[in-house]
Protein backbone atom coordinates (compact mmCIF):
# COMPACT_ATOMS: atom_id res chain seq x y z
CA MET A 1 0.00 0.00 0.00
CA VAL A 2 1.35 3.44 -0.92
CA MET A 3 0.08 6.87 0.08
CA ILE A 4 1.68 10.01 -1.36
CA ARG A 5 0.98 13.50 -0.01
CA SER A 6 1.73 16.24 -2.47
CA GLU A 7 1.11 19.93 -2.93
CA LYS A 8 1.75 22.10 -6.00
CA GLY A 9 3.77 19.43 -7.81
CA THR A 10 5.99 18.63 -4.83
CA ILE A 11 5.84 15.35 -2.90
CA ASN A 12 5.76 16.17 0.81
CA SER A 13 5.67 12.66 2.24
CA ILE A 14 5.29 9.01 1.31
CA SER A 15 3.82 6.28 3.53
CA VAL A 16 4.10 2.61 2.60
CA SER A 17 3.19 -0.70 4.16
CA ASP A 18 3.02 -4.37 3.24
CA PRO A 19 -0.04 -5.90 4.94
CA SER A 20 0.97 -9.33 3.55
CA ARG A 21 4.22 -9.10 5.57
CA LEU A 22 6.16 -10.72 2.73
CA LEU A 23 8.35 -7.83 1.53
CA GLY A 24 11.50 -6.36 3.02
CA LYS A 25 11.67 -3.34 0.72
CA ILE A 26 9.40 -1.37 -1.61
CA HIS A 27 10.70 0.30 -4.78
CA LEU A 28 8.85 3.26 -6.30
CA ALA A 29 9.40 5.48 -9.34
CA VAL A 30 7.91 8.99 -9.41
CA SER A 31 8.15 11.77 -11.98
CA VAL A 32 9.30 14.36 -9.42
CA LYS A 33 12.98 15.07 -8.74
CA ILE A 34 13.88 13.67 -5.32
CA GLU A 35 17.48 13.16 -4.22
CA LYS A 36 17.47 12.34 -0.51
CA LYS A 37 18.53 9.64 1.91
CA GLY A 38 17.24 8.77 5.33
CA ASP A 39 17.36 6.00 7.92
CA SER A 40 14.89 3.80 6.03
CA PHE A 41 15.02 5.08 2.45
CA ALA A 42 17.19 6.29 -0.42
CA SER A 43 16.19 8.07 -3.59
CA SER A 44 18.00 9.13 -6.73
CA TRP A 45 17.05 11.15 -9.79
CA ASN A 46 17.53 9.57 -13.23
CA GLU A 47 17.81 12.48 -15.64
CA GLN A 48 17.46 10.34 -18.79
CA GLU A 49 14.23 8.69 -17.62
CA GLU A 50 13.08 11.84 -15.79
CA VAL A 51 12.06 9.81 -12.75
CA SER A 52 13.21 9.41 -9.17
CA HIS A 53 13.77 5.86 -7.95
CA ILE A 54 12.96 5.42 -4.27
CA ALA A 55 13.79 2.34 -2.18
CA ILE A 56 12.06 2.14 1.20
CA ASP A 57 12.99 -0.47 3.83
CA LEU A 58 10.04 -2.10 5.55
CA PRO A 59 9.94 -3.14 9.21
CA ALA A 60 10.90 -6.67 10.20
CA GLY A 61 10.08 -8.91 13.13
CA VAL A 62 7.22 -7.88 15.39
CA SER A 63 6.82 -4.64 13.39
CA GLU A 64 6.19 -6.40 10.06
CA GLY A 65 3.16 -4.96 8.27
CA LYS A 66 3.39 -1.57 9.98
CA SER A 67 3.58 1.62 7.93
CA VAL A 68 6.78 3.51 7.21
CA SER A 69 6.47 7.25 6.55
CA ILE A 70 9.17 9.39 5.04
CA ASP A 71 9.06 13.19 5.20
CA LEU A 72 10.62 14.69 2.11
CA LEU A 73 10.38 18.30 3.27
CA LYS A 74 13.07 17.98 5.95
């Protein structure tokens, strides 16, 4: 499950979860330039494709299935 909060063409935050509890990471591609890294994610801009690739680590163990939110404004 993916939820993206945006305003005026800018992505403010992304929340993801895997209710099936089968995945360890979620990969997204968005058409907005994002070049950031955090504790649970990394993103990079591909100028040729004009997309940002975002990899978000999902919780493991007793936290499996819980949401991970990343704030892209900070």
